[in-house]
mmCIF file of all heavy atoms, coordinates in Angstrom:
data_MODEL
# 
_entry.id   MODEL 
# 
loop_
_atom_site.group_PDB 
_atom_site.id 
_atom_site.type_symbol 
_atom_site.label_atom_id 
_atom_site.label_alt_id 
_atom_site.label_comp_id 
_atom_site.label_asym_id 
_atom_site.label_entity_id 
_atom_site.label_seq_id 
_atom_site.pdbx_PDB_ins_code 
_atom_site.Cartn_x 
_atom_site.Cartn_y 
_atom_site.Cartn_z 
_atom_site.occupancy 
_atom_site.B_iso_or_equiv 
_atom_site.pdbx_formal_charge 
_atom_site.auth_seq_id 
_atom_site.auth_comp_id 
_atom_site.auth_asym_id 
_atom_site.auth_atom_id 
_atom_site.pdbx_PDB_model_num 
ATOM 1   N N   . SER A 1 1  ? -16.163 17.208  2.460   1.00 0.00 ? 1  SER A N   1 
ATOM 2   C CA  . SER A 1 1  ? -14.872 17.310  3.151   1.00 0.00 ? 1  SER A CA  1 
ATOM 3   C C   . SER A 1 1  ? -14.099 16.000  3.062   1.00 0.00 ? 1  SER A C   1 
ATOM 4   O O   . SER A 1 1  ? -12.873 15.987  2.882   1.00 0.00 ? 1  SER A O   1 
ATOM 5   C CB  . SER A 1 1  ? -15.089 17.678  4.625   1.00 0.00 ? 1  SER A CB  1 
ATOM 6   O OG  . SER A 1 1  ? -15.747 18.921  4.744   1.00 0.00 ? 1  SER A OG  1 
ATOM 7   N N   . TYR A 1 2  ? -14.827 14.896  3.186   1.00 0.00 ? 2  TYR A N   1 
ATOM 8   C CA  . TYR A 1 2  ? -14.221 13.560  3.137   1.00 0.00 ? 2  TYR A CA  1 
ATOM 9   C C   . TYR A 1 2  ? -13.559 13.313  1.789   1.00 0.00 ? 2  TYR A C   1 
ATOM 10  O O   . TYR A 1 2  ? -12.437 12.807  1.712   1.00 0.00 ? 2  TYR A O   1 
ATOM 11  C CB  . TYR A 1 2  ? -15.317 12.528  3.406   1.00 0.00 ? 2  TYR A CB  1 
ATOM 12  C CG  . TYR A 1 2  ? -14.924 11.090  3.210   1.00 0.00 ? 2  TYR A CG  1 
ATOM 13  C CD1 . TYR A 1 2  ? -14.179 10.407  4.171   1.00 0.00 ? 2  TYR A CD1 1 
ATOM 14  C CD2 . TYR A 1 2  ? -15.318 10.385  2.070   1.00 0.00 ? 2  TYR A CD2 1 
ATOM 15  C CE1 . TYR A 1 2  ? -13.839 9.073   3.998   1.00 0.00 ? 2  TYR A CE1 1 
ATOM 16  C CE2 . TYR A 1 2  ? -14.983 9.057   1.897   1.00 0.00 ? 2  TYR A CE2 1 
ATOM 17  C CZ  . TYR A 1 2  ? -14.249 8.409   2.861   1.00 0.00 ? 2  TYR A CZ  1 
ATOM 18  O OH  . TYR A 1 2  ? -13.914 7.093   2.684   1.00 0.00 ? 2  TYR A OH  1 
ATOM 19  N N   . LEU A 1 3  ? -14.247 13.689  0.693   1.00 0.00 ? 3  LEU A N   1 
ATOM 20  C CA  . LEU A 1 3  ? -13.717 13.451  -0.645  1.00 0.00 ? 3  LEU A CA  1 
ATOM 21  C C   . LEU A 1 3  ? -12.587 14.423  -0.992  1.00 0.00 ? 3  LEU A C   1 
ATOM 22  O O   . LEU A 1 3  ? -11.726 14.108  -1.817  1.00 0.00 ? 3  LEU A O   1 
ATOM 23  C CB  . LEU A 1 3  ? -14.832 13.568  -1.687  1.00 0.00 ? 3  LEU A CB  1 
ATOM 24  C CG  . LEU A 1 3  ? -15.911 12.483  -1.645  1.00 0.00 ? 3  LEU A CG  1 
ATOM 25  C CD1 . LEU A 1 3  ? -16.995 12.772  -2.674  1.00 0.00 ? 3  LEU A CD1 1 
ATOM 26  C CD2 . LEU A 1 3  ? -15.313 11.102  -1.913  1.00 0.00 ? 3  LEU A CD2 1 
ATOM 27  N N   . GLU A 1 4  ? -12.589 15.588  -0.366  1.00 0.00 ? 4  GLU A N   1 
ATOM 28  C CA  . GLU A 1 4  ? -11.573 16.593  -0.667  1.00 0.00 ? 4  GLU A CA  1 
ATOM 29  C C   . GLU A 1 4  ? -10.272 16.394  0.116   1.00 0.00 ? 4  GLU A C   1 
ATOM 30  O O   . GLU A 1 4  ? -9.244  16.963  -0.226  1.00 0.00 ? 4  GLU A O   1 
ATOM 31  C CB  . GLU A 1 4  ? -12.122 17.998  -0.376  1.00 0.00 ? 4  GLU A CB  1 
ATOM 32  C CG  . GLU A 1 4  ? -13.148 18.473  -1.406  1.00 0.00 ? 4  GLU A CG  1 
ATOM 33  C CD  . GLU A 1 4  ? -13.706 19.853  -1.063  1.00 0.00 ? 4  GLU A CD  1 
ATOM 34  O OE1 . GLU A 1 4  ? -13.698 20.204  0.140   1.00 0.00 ? 4  GLU A OE1 1 
ATOM 35  O OE2 . GLU A 1 4  ? -14.146 20.548  -1.994  1.00 0.00 ? 4  GLU A OE2 1 
ATOM 36  N N   . LYS A 1 5  ? -10.339 15.593  1.164   1.00 0.00 ? 5  LYS A N   1 
ATOM 37  C CA  . LYS A 1 5  ? -9.159  15.450  2.019   1.00 0.00 ? 5  LYS A CA  1 
ATOM 38  C C   . LYS A 1 5  ? -8.036  14.708  1.308   1.00 0.00 ? 5  LYS A C   1 
ATOM 39  O O   . LYS A 1 5  ? -8.246  14.016  0.317   1.00 0.00 ? 5  LYS A O   1 
ATOM 40  C CB  . LYS A 1 5  ? -9.517  14.729  3.317   1.00 0.00 ? 5  LYS A CB  1 
ATOM 41  C CG  . LYS A 1 5  ? -9.737  13.233  3.139   1.00 0.00 ? 5  LYS A CG  1 
ATOM 42  C CD  . LYS A 1 5  ? -10.047 12.574  4.465   1.00 0.00 ? 5  LYS A CD  1 
ATOM 43  C CE  . LYS A 1 5  ? -10.207 11.066  4.298   1.00 0.00 ? 5  LYS A CE  1 
ATOM 44  N NZ  . LYS A 1 5  ? -10.499 10.393  5.558   1.00 0.00 ? 5  LYS A NZ  1 
ATOM 45  N N   . GLU A 1 6  ? -6.852  14.865  1.835   1.00 0.00 ? 6  GLU A N   1 
ATOM 46  C CA  . GLU A 1 6  ? -5.680  14.198  1.270   1.00 0.00 ? 6  GLU A CA  1 
ATOM 47  C C   . GLU A 1 6  ? -5.809  12.691  1.440   1.00 0.00 ? 6  GLU A C   1 
ATOM 48  O O   . GLU A 1 6  ? -6.479  12.200  2.338   1.00 0.00 ? 6  GLU A O   1 
ATOM 49  C CB  . GLU A 1 6  ? -4.406  14.678  1.977   1.00 0.00 ? 6  GLU A CB  1 
ATOM 50  C CG  . GLU A 1 6  ? -4.048  16.127  1.716   1.00 0.00 ? 6  GLU A CG  1 
ATOM 51  C CD  . GLU A 1 6  ? -3.711  16.386  0.269   1.00 0.00 ? 6  GLU A CD  1 
ATOM 52  O OE1 . GLU A 1 6  ? -3.108  15.492  -0.360  1.00 0.00 ? 6  GLU A OE1 1 
ATOM 53  O OE2 . GLU A 1 6  ? -4.061  17.469  -0.223  1.00 0.00 ? 6  GLU A OE2 1 
ATOM 54  N N   . GLU A 1 7  ? -5.135  11.953  0.609   1.00 0.00 ? 7  GLU A N   1 
ATOM 55  C CA  . GLU A 1 7  ? -5.171  10.484  0.671   1.00 0.00 ? 7  GLU A CA  1 
ATOM 56  C C   . GLU A 1 7  ? -4.707  10.001  2.033   1.00 0.00 ? 7  GLU A C   1 
ATOM 57  O O   . GLU A 1 7  ? -3.713  10.469  2.575   1.00 0.00 ? 7  GLU A O   1 
ATOM 58  C CB  . GLU A 1 7  ? -4.266  9.901   -0.410  1.00 0.00 ? 7  GLU A CB  1 
ATOM 59  C CG  . GLU A 1 7  ? -4.211  8.386   -0.388  1.00 0.00 ? 7  GLU A CG  1 
ATOM 60  C CD  . GLU A 1 7  ? -3.379  7.831   -1.521  1.00 0.00 ? 7  GLU A CD  1 
ATOM 61  O OE1 . GLU A 1 7  ? -2.968  8.621   -2.367  1.00 0.00 ? 7  GLU A OE1 1 
ATOM 62  O OE2 . GLU A 1 7  ? -3.144  6.627   -1.526  1.00 0.00 ? 7  GLU A OE2 1 
ATOM 63  N N   . ASP A 1 8  ? -5.471  9.092   2.582   1.00 0.00 ? 8  ASP A N   1 
ATOM 64  C CA  . ASP A 1 8  ? -5.127  8.537   3.886   1.00 0.00 ? 8  ASP A CA  1 
ATOM 65  C C   . ASP A 1 8  ? -3.787  7.806   3.807   1.00 0.00 ? 8  ASP A C   1 
ATOM 66  O O   . ASP A 1 8  ? -3.494  7.114   2.835   1.00 0.00 ? 8  ASP A O   1 
ATOM 67  C CB  . ASP A 1 8  ? -6.212  7.543   4.321   1.00 0.00 ? 8  ASP A CB  1 
ATOM 68  C CG  . ASP A 1 8  ? -6.140  7.222   5.792   1.00 0.00 ? 8  ASP A CG  1 
ATOM 69  O OD1 . ASP A 1 8  ? -5.206  6.522   6.187   1.00 0.00 ? 8  ASP A OD1 1 
ATOM 70  O OD2 . ASP A 1 8  ? -7.022  7.670   6.522   1.00 0.00 ? 8  ASP A OD2 1 
ATOM 71  N N   . ALA A 1 9  ? -2.964  8.004   4.844   1.00 0.00 ? 9  ALA A N   1 
ATOM 72  C CA  . ALA A 1 9  ? -1.613  7.424   4.841   1.00 0.00 ? 9  ALA A CA  1 
ATOM 73  C C   . ALA A 1 9  ? -1.624  5.970   5.263   1.00 0.00 ? 9  ALA A C   1 
ATOM 74  O O   . ALA A 1 9  ? -0.861  5.550   6.109   1.00 0.00 ? 9  ALA A O   1 
ATOM 75  C CB  . ALA A 1 9  ? -0.721  8.209   5.792   1.00 0.00 ? 9  ALA A CB  1 
ATOM 76  N N   . ILE A 1 10 ? -2.465  5.144   4.631   1.00 0.00 ? 10 ILE A N   1 
ATOM 77  C CA  . ILE A 1 10 ? -2.576  3.736   5.028   1.00 0.00 ? 10 ILE A CA  1 
ATOM 78  C C   . ILE A 1 10 ? -1.634  2.885   4.184   1.00 0.00 ? 10 ILE A C   1 
ATOM 79  O O   . ILE A 1 10 ? -1.951  2.506   3.071   1.00 0.00 ? 10 ILE A O   1 
ATOM 80  C CB  . ILE A 1 10 ? -4.023  3.240   4.915   1.00 0.00 ? 10 ILE A CB  1 
ATOM 81  C CG1 . ILE A 1 10 ? -4.122  1.804   5.336   1.00 0.00 ? 10 ILE A CG1 1 
ATOM 82  C CG2 . ILE A 1 10 ? -4.604  3.456   3.555   1.00 0.00 ? 10 ILE A CG2 1 
ATOM 83  C CD1 . ILE A 1 10 ? -5.521  1.272   5.438   1.00 0.00 ? 10 ILE A CD1 1 
ATOM 84  N N   . ILE A 1 11 ? -0.458  2.694   4.693   1.00 0.00 ? 11 ILE A N   1 
ATOM 85  C CA  . ILE A 1 11 ? 0.590   1.829   4.142   1.00 0.00 ? 11 ILE A CA  1 
ATOM 86  C C   . ILE A 1 11 ? 0.728   1.919   2.606   1.00 0.00 ? 11 ILE A C   1 
ATOM 87  O O   . ILE A 1 11 ? 0.947   0.914   1.926   1.00 0.00 ? 11 ILE A O   1 
ATOM 88  C CB  . ILE A 1 11 ? 0.381   0.352   4.570   1.00 0.00 ? 11 ILE A CB  1 
ATOM 89  C CG1 . ILE A 1 11 ? -1.026  -0.208  4.339   1.00 0.00 ? 11 ILE A CG1 1 
ATOM 90  C CG2 . ILE A 1 11 ? 0.693   0.182   6.017   1.00 0.00 ? 11 ILE A CG2 1 
ATOM 91  C CD1 . ILE A 1 11 ? -1.363  -0.657  2.986   1.00 0.00 ? 11 ILE A CD1 1 
ATOM 92  N N   . LYS A 1 12 ? 0.632   3.133   2.068   1.00 0.00 ? 12 LYS A N   1 
ATOM 93  C CA  . LYS A 1 12 ? 0.781   3.319   0.624   1.00 0.00 ? 12 LYS A CA  1 
ATOM 94  C C   . LYS A 1 12 ? 2.158   2.852   0.155   1.00 0.00 ? 12 LYS A C   1 
ATOM 95  O O   . LYS A 1 12 ? 2.289   2.209   -0.891  1.00 0.00 ? 12 LYS A O   1 
ATOM 96  C CB  . LYS A 1 12 ? 0.567   4.788   0.265   1.00 0.00 ? 12 LYS A CB  1 
ATOM 97  C CG  . LYS A 1 12 ? 0.679   5.075   -1.239  1.00 0.00 ? 12 LYS A CG  1 
ATOM 98  C CD  . LYS A 1 12 ? 0.530   6.556   -1.513  1.00 0.00 ? 12 LYS A CD  1 
ATOM 99  C CE  . LYS A 1 12 ? 0.725   6.835   -2.993  1.00 0.00 ? 12 LYS A CE  1 
ATOM 100 N NZ  . LYS A 1 12 ? 0.657   8.284   -3.292  1.00 0.00 ? 12 LYS A NZ  1 
ATOM 101 N N   . ALA A 1 13 ? 3.179   3.192   0.928   1.00 0.00 ? 13 ALA A N   1 
ATOM 102 C CA  . ALA A 1 13 ? 4.544   2.822   0.549   1.00 0.00 ? 13 ALA A CA  1 
ATOM 103 C C   . ALA A 1 13 ? 4.704   1.310   0.472   1.00 0.00 ? 13 ALA A C   1 
ATOM 104 O O   . ALA A 1 13 ? 5.376   0.790   -0.417  1.00 0.00 ? 13 ALA A O   1 
ATOM 105 C CB  . ALA A 1 13 ? 5.535   3.397   1.551   1.00 0.00 ? 13 ALA A CB  1 
ATOM 106 N N   . GLU A 1 14 ? 4.071   0.605   1.426   1.00 0.00 ? 14 GLU A N   1 
ATOM 107 C CA  . GLU A 1 14 ? 4.176   -0.859  1.428   1.00 0.00 ? 14 GLU A CA  1 
ATOM 108 C C   . GLU A 1 14 ? 3.515   -1.451  0.193   1.00 0.00 ? 14 GLU A C   1 
ATOM 109 O O   . GLU A 1 14 ? 4.047   -2.383  -0.418  1.00 0.00 ? 14 GLU A O   1 
ATOM 110 C CB  . GLU A 1 14 ? 3.525   -1.424  2.685   1.00 0.00 ? 14 GLU A CB  1 
ATOM 111 C CG  . GLU A 1 14 ? 4.291   -1.142  3.963   1.00 0.00 ? 14 GLU A CG  1 
ATOM 112 C CD  . GLU A 1 14 ? 3.642   -1.784  5.170   1.00 0.00 ? 14 GLU A CD  1 
ATOM 113 O OE1 . GLU A 1 14 ? 2.828   -2.704  4.985   1.00 0.00 ? 14 GLU A OE1 1 
ATOM 114 O OE2 . GLU A 1 14 ? 3.928   -1.350  6.281   1.00 0.00 ? 14 GLU A OE2 1 
ATOM 115 N N   . ILE A 1 15 ? 2.360   -0.928  -0.165  1.00 0.00 ? 15 ILE A N   1 
ATOM 116 C CA  . ILE A 1 15 ? 1.632   -1.460  -1.320  1.00 0.00 ? 15 ILE A CA  1 
ATOM 117 C C   . ILE A 1 15 ? 2.425   -1.230  -2.606  1.00 0.00 ? 15 ILE A C   1 
ATOM 118 O O   . ILE A 1 15 ? 2.595   -2.138  -3.421  1.00 0.00 ? 15 ILE A O   1 
ATOM 119 C CB  . ILE A 1 15 ? 0.250   -0.790  -1.426  1.00 0.00 ? 15 ILE A CB  1 
ATOM 120 C CG1 . ILE A 1 15 ? -0.612  -1.158  -0.223  1.00 0.00 ? 15 ILE A CG1 1 
ATOM 121 C CG2 . ILE A 1 15 ? -0.463  -1.214  -2.711  1.00 0.00 ? 15 ILE A CG2 1 
ATOM 122 C CD1 . ILE A 1 15 ? -1.932  -0.428  -0.161  1.00 0.00 ? 15 ILE A CD1 1 
ATOM 123 N N   . GLU A 1 16 ? 2.928   0.001   -2.791  1.00 0.00 ? 16 GLU A N   1 
ATOM 124 C CA  . GLU A 1 16 ? 3.690   0.313   -3.994  1.00 0.00 ? 16 GLU A CA  1 
ATOM 125 C C   . GLU A 1 16 ? 4.975   -0.507  -4.064  1.00 0.00 ? 16 GLU A C   1 
ATOM 126 O O   . GLU A 1 16 ? 5.369   -0.973  -5.129  1.00 0.00 ? 16 GLU A O   1 
ATOM 127 C CB  . GLU A 1 16 ? 4.015   1.807   -4.026  1.00 0.00 ? 16 GLU A CB  1 
ATOM 128 C CG  . GLU A 1 16 ? 2.780   2.677   -4.252  1.00 0.00 ? 16 GLU A CG  1 
ATOM 129 C CD  . GLU A 1 16 ? 3.105   4.146   -4.255  1.00 0.00 ? 16 GLU A CD  1 
ATOM 130 O OE1 . GLU A 1 16 ? 4.230   4.499   -3.821  1.00 0.00 ? 16 GLU A OE1 1 
ATOM 131 O OE2 . GLU A 1 16 ? 2.248   4.931   -4.683  1.00 0.00 ? 16 GLU A OE2 1 
ATOM 132 N N   . SER A 1 17 ? 5.611   -0.689  -2.912  1.00 0.00 ? 17 SER A N   1 
ATOM 133 C CA  . SER A 1 17 ? 6.843   -1.466  -2.868  1.00 0.00 ? 17 SER A CA  1 
ATOM 134 C C   . SER A 1 17 ? 6.587   -2.911  -3.260  1.00 0.00 ? 17 SER A C   1 
ATOM 135 O O   . SER A 1 17 ? 7.360   -3.530  -3.992  1.00 0.00 ? 17 SER A O   1 
ATOM 136 C CB  . SER A 1 17 ? 7.447   -1.397  -1.458  1.00 0.00 ? 17 SER A CB  1 
ATOM 137 O OG  . SER A 1 17 ? 8.564   -2.237  -1.363  1.00 0.00 ? 17 SER A OG  1 
ATOM 138 N N   . GLU A 1 18 ? 5.465   -3.450  -2.771  1.00 0.00 ? 18 GLU A N   1 
ATOM 139 C CA  . GLU A 1 18 ? 5.135   -4.841  -3.058  1.00 0.00 ? 18 GLU A CA  1 
ATOM 140 C C   . GLU A 1 18 ? 4.844   -5.057  -4.536  1.00 0.00 ? 18 GLU A C   1 
ATOM 141 O O   . GLU A 1 18 ? 5.264   -6.046  -5.144  1.00 0.00 ? 18 GLU A O   1 
ATOM 142 C CB  . GLU A 1 18 ? 3.916   -5.254  -2.230  1.00 0.00 ? 18 GLU A CB  1 
ATOM 143 C CG  . GLU A 1 18 ? 3.484   -6.686  -2.470  1.00 0.00 ? 18 GLU A CG  1 
ATOM 144 C CD  . GLU A 1 18 ? 2.236   -7.032  -1.703  1.00 0.00 ? 18 GLU A CD  1 
ATOM 145 O OE1 . GLU A 1 18 ? 1.416   -6.128  -1.474  1.00 0.00 ? 18 GLU A OE1 1 
ATOM 146 O OE2 . GLU A 1 18 ? 2.082   -8.193  -1.345  1.00 0.00 ? 18 GLU A OE2 1 
ATOM 147 N N   . ILE A 1 19 ? 4.151   -4.091  -5.144  1.00 0.00 ? 19 ILE A N   1 
ATOM 148 C CA  . ILE A 1 19 ? 3.789   -4.214  -6.553  1.00 0.00 ? 19 ILE A CA  1 
ATOM 149 C C   . ILE A 1 19 ? 5.016   -4.146  -7.447  1.00 0.00 ? 19 ILE A C   1 
ATOM 150 O O   . ILE A 1 19 ? 5.142   -4.890  -8.425  1.00 0.00 ? 19 ILE A O   1 
ATOM 151 C CB  . ILE A 1 19 ? 2.782   -3.110  -6.937  1.00 0.00 ? 19 ILE A CB  1 
ATOM 152 C CG1 . ILE A 1 19 ? 1.456   -3.344  -6.205  1.00 0.00 ? 19 ILE A CG1 1 
ATOM 153 C CG2 . ILE A 1 19 ? 2.542   -3.082  -8.441  1.00 0.00 ? 19 ILE A CG2 1 
ATOM 154 C CD1 . ILE A 1 19 ? 0.456   -2.225  -6.379  1.00 0.00 ? 19 ILE A CD1 1 
ATOM 155 N N   . ASN A 1 20 ? 5.941   -3.237  -7.102  1.00 0.00 ? 20 ASN A N   1 
ATOM 156 C CA  . ASN A 1 20 ? 7.095   -2.986  -7.960  1.00 0.00 ? 20 ASN A CA  1 
ATOM 157 C C   . ASN A 1 20 ? 8.249   -3.979  -7.773  1.00 0.00 ? 20 ASN A C   1 
ATOM 158 O O   . ASN A 1 20 ? 9.105   -4.102  -8.629  1.00 0.00 ? 20 ASN A O   1 
ATOM 159 C CB  . ASN A 1 20 ? 7.618   -1.561  -7.713  1.00 0.00 ? 20 ASN A CB  1 
ATOM 160 C CG  . ASN A 1 20 ? 6.587   -0.512  -8.122  1.00 0.00 ? 20 ASN A CG  1 
ATOM 161 O OD1 . ASN A 1 20 ? 5.823   -0.733  -9.050  1.00 0.00 ? 20 ASN A OD1 1 
ATOM 162 N ND2 . ASN A 1 20 ? 6.562   0.614   -7.427  1.00 0.00 ? 20 ASN A ND2 1 
ATOM 163 N N   . SER A 1 21 ? 8.302   -4.667  -6.660  1.00 0.00 ? 21 SER A N   1 
ATOM 164 C CA  . SER A 1 21 ? 9.421   -5.583  -6.407  1.00 0.00 ? 21 SER A CA  1 
ATOM 165 C C   . SER A 1 21 ? 9.121   -6.974  -6.955  1.00 0.00 ? 21 SER A C   1 
ATOM 166 O O   . SER A 1 21 ? 8.017   -7.279  -7.371  1.00 0.00 ? 21 SER A O   1 
ATOM 167 C CB  . SER A 1 21 ? 9.685   -5.673  -4.902  1.00 0.00 ? 21 SER A CB  1 
ATOM 168 O OG  . SER A 1 21 ? 8.627   -6.368  -4.270  1.00 0.00 ? 21 SER A OG  1 
ATOM 169 N N   . ARG A 1 22 ? 10.131  -7.831  -6.940  1.00 0.00 ? 22 ARG A N   1 
ATOM 170 C CA  . ARG A 1 22 ? 9.962   -9.212  -7.391  1.00 0.00 ? 22 ARG A CA  1 
ATOM 171 C C   . ARG A 1 22 ? 9.531   -10.122 -6.258  1.00 0.00 ? 22 ARG A C   1 
ATOM 172 O O   . ARG A 1 22 ? 9.277   -11.301 -6.461  1.00 0.00 ? 22 ARG A O   1 
ATOM 173 C CB  . ARG A 1 22 ? 11.281  -9.741  -7.979  1.00 0.00 ? 22 ARG A CB  1 
ATOM 174 C CG  . ARG A 1 22 ? 11.676  -9.147  -9.310  1.00 0.00 ? 22 ARG A CG  1 
ATOM 175 C CD  . ARG A 1 22 ? 10.620  -9.332  -10.369 1.00 0.00 ? 22 ARG A CD  1 
ATOM 176 N NE  . ARG A 1 22 ? 10.202  -10.724 -10.494 1.00 0.00 ? 22 ARG A NE  1 
ATOM 177 C CZ  . ARG A 1 22 ? 9.060   -11.093 -11.052 1.00 0.00 ? 22 ARG A CZ  1 
ATOM 178 N NH1 . ARG A 1 22 ? 8.204   -10.195 -11.469 1.00 0.00 ? 22 ARG A NH1 1 
ATOM 179 N NH2 . ARG A 1 22 ? 8.777   -12.370 -11.150 1.00 0.00 ? 22 ARG A NH2 1 
ATOM 180 N N   . ILE A 1 23 ? 9.451   -9.582  -5.054  1.00 0.00 ? 23 ILE A N   1 
ATOM 181 C CA  . ILE A 1 23 ? 9.070   -10.384 -3.896  1.00 0.00 ? 23 ILE A CA  1 
ATOM 182 C C   . ILE A 1 23 ? 7.628   -10.081 -3.494  1.00 0.00 ? 23 ILE A C   1 
ATOM 183 O O   . ILE A 1 23 ? 7.217   -8.930  -3.462  1.00 0.00 ? 23 ILE A O   1 
ATOM 184 C CB  . ILE A 1 23 ? 9.993   -10.096 -2.693  1.00 0.00 ? 23 ILE A CB  1 
ATOM 185 C CG1 . ILE A 1 23 ? 11.450  -10.411 -3.054  1.00 0.00 ? 23 ILE A CG1 1 
ATOM 186 C CG2 . ILE A 1 23 ? 9.567   -10.912 -1.463  1.00 0.00 ? 23 ILE A CG2 1 
ATOM 187 C CD1 . ILE A 1 23 ? 11.700  -11.865 -3.426  1.00 0.00 ? 23 ILE A CD1 1 
ATOM 188 N N   . LYS A 1 24 ? 6.875   -11.111 -3.229  1.00 0.00 ? 24 LYS A N   1 
ATOM 189 C CA  . LYS A 1 24 ? 5.486   -10.968 -2.773  1.00 0.00 ? 24 LYS A CA  1 
ATOM 190 C C   . LYS A 1 24 ? 5.331   -11.742 -1.472  1.00 0.00 ? 24 LYS A C   1 
ATOM 191 O O   . LYS A 1 24 ? 5.898   -12.817 -1.310  1.00 0.00 ? 24 LYS A O   1 
ATOM 192 C CB  . LYS A 1 24 ? 4.514   -11.501 -3.822  1.00 0.00 ? 24 LYS A CB  1 
ATOM 193 C CG  . LYS A 1 24 ? 3.042   -11.424 -3.414  1.00 0.00 ? 24 LYS A CG  1 
ATOM 194 C CD  . LYS A 1 24 ? 2.151   -11.932 -4.530  1.00 0.00 ? 24 LYS A CD  1 
ATOM 195 C CE  . LYS A 1 24 ? 0.701   -12.034 -4.081  1.00 0.00 ? 24 LYS A CE  1 
ATOM 196 N NZ  . LYS A 1 24 ? 0.086   -10.714 -3.844  1.00 0.00 ? 24 LYS A NZ  1 
ATOM 197 N N   . GLN A 1 25 ? 4.559   -11.181 -0.554  1.00 0.00 ? 25 GLN A N   1 
ATOM 198 C CA  . GLN A 1 25 ? 4.377   -11.836 0.739   1.00 0.00 ? 25 GLN A CA  1 
ATOM 199 C C   . GLN A 1 25 ? 3.128   -12.703 0.726   1.00 0.00 ? 25 GLN A C   1 
ATOM 200 O O   . GLN A 1 25 ? 2.027   -12.245 0.429   1.00 0.00 ? 25 GLN A O   1 
ATOM 201 C CB  . GLN A 1 25 ? 4.258   -10.805 1.859   1.00 0.00 ? 25 GLN A CB  1 
ATOM 202 C CG  . GLN A 1 25 ? 4.190   -11.455 3.240   1.00 0.00 ? 25 GLN A CG  1 
ATOM 203 C CD  . GLN A 1 25 ? 4.033   -10.438 4.342   1.00 0.00 ? 25 GLN A CD  1 
ATOM 204 O OE1 . GLN A 1 25 ? 3.162   -9.588  4.288   1.00 0.00 ? 25 GLN A OE1 1 
ATOM 205 N NE2 . GLN A 1 25 ? 4.890   -10.520 5.350   1.00 0.00 ? 25 GLN A NE2 1 
ATOM 206 N N   . CYS A 1 26 ? 3.325   -13.972 1.054   1.00 0.00 ? 26 CYS A N   1 
ATOM 207 C CA  . CYS A 1 26 ? 2.198   -14.875 1.265   1.00 0.00 ? 26 CYS A CA  1 
ATOM 208 C C   . CYS A 1 26 ? 1.754   -14.678 2.721   1.00 0.00 ? 26 CYS A C   1 
ATOM 209 O O   . CYS A 1 26 ? 2.581   -14.775 3.626   1.00 0.00 ? 26 CYS A O   1 
ATOM 210 C CB  . CYS A 1 26 ? 2.615   -16.327 1.035   1.00 0.00 ? 26 CYS A CB  1 
ATOM 211 S SG  . CYS A 1 26 ? 1.343   -17.541 1.486   1.00 0.00 ? 26 CYS A SG  1 
ATOM 212 N N   . PRO A 1 27 ? 0.476   -14.382 2.969   1.00 0.00 ? 27 PRO A N   1 
ATOM 213 C CA  . PRO A 1 27 ? 0.009   -14.138 4.342   1.00 0.00 ? 27 PRO A CA  1 
ATOM 214 C C   . PRO A 1 27 ? 0.232   -15.314 5.284   1.00 0.00 ? 27 PRO A C   1 
ATOM 215 O O   . PRO A 1 27 ? 0.214   -15.162 6.492   1.00 0.00 ? 27 PRO A O   1 
ATOM 216 C CB  . PRO A 1 27 ? -1.488  -13.874 4.161   1.00 0.00 ? 27 PRO A CB  1 
ATOM 217 C CG  . PRO A 1 27 ? -1.649  -13.476 2.739   1.00 0.00 ? 27 PRO A CG  1 
ATOM 218 C CD  . PRO A 1 27 ? -0.611  -14.244 1.994   1.00 0.00 ? 27 PRO A CD  1 
ATOM 219 N N   . ARG A 1 28 ? 0.522   -16.487 4.684   1.00 0.00 ? 28 ARG A N   1 
ATOM 220 C CA  . ARG A 1 28 ? 0.610   -17.706 5.489   1.00 0.00 ? 28 ARG A CA  1 
ATOM 221 C C   . ARG A 1 28 ? 2.043   -18.146 5.758   1.00 0.00 ? 28 ARG A C   1 
ATOM 222 O O   . ARG A 1 28 ? 2.362   -18.627 6.840   1.00 0.00 ? 28 ARG A O   1 
ATOM 223 C CB  . ARG A 1 28 ? -0.138  -18.822 4.765   1.00 0.00 ? 28 ARG A CB  1 
ATOM 224 C CG  . ARG A 1 28 ? -0.580  -19.963 5.647   1.00 0.00 ? 28 ARG A CG  1 
ATOM 225 C CD  . ARG A 1 28 ? -1.782  -20.635 5.004   1.00 0.00 ? 28 ARG A CD  1 
ATOM 226 N NE  . ARG A 1 28 ? -2.153  -21.815 5.749   1.00 0.00 ? 28 ARG A NE  1 
ATOM 227 C CZ  . ARG A 1 28 ? -1.745  -23.037 5.441   1.00 0.00 ? 28 ARG A CZ  1 
ATOM 228 N NH1 . ARG A 1 28 ? -0.950  -23.221 4.417   1.00 0.00 ? 28 ARG A NH1 1 
ATOM 229 N NH2 . ARG A 1 28 ? -2.131  -24.065 6.163   1.00 0.00 ? 28 ARG A NH2 1 
ATOM 230 N N   . CYS A 1 29 ? 2.937   -17.971 4.770   1.00 0.00 ? 29 CYS A N   1 
ATOM 231 C CA  . CYS A 1 29 ? 4.299   -18.500 4.949   1.00 0.00 ? 29 CYS A CA  1 
ATOM 232 C C   . CYS A 1 29 ? 5.389   -17.457 4.759   1.00 0.00 ? 29 CYS A C   1 
ATOM 233 O O   . CYS A 1 29 ? 6.572   -17.764 4.931   1.00 0.00 ? 29 CYS A O   1 
ATOM 234 C CB  . CYS A 1 29 ? 4.529   -19.681 4.014   1.00 0.00 ? 29 CYS A CB  1 
ATOM 235 S SG  . CYS A 1 29 ? 4.545   -19.240 2.263   1.00 0.00 ? 29 CYS A SG  1 
# 
């Protein structure tokens, strides 16, 4: 059931946005 379930909605949009844009967030600054 775990493997068949839909992808967890854990900030997918944020990750894709970060990869595709020219801006990257430094966790520190």
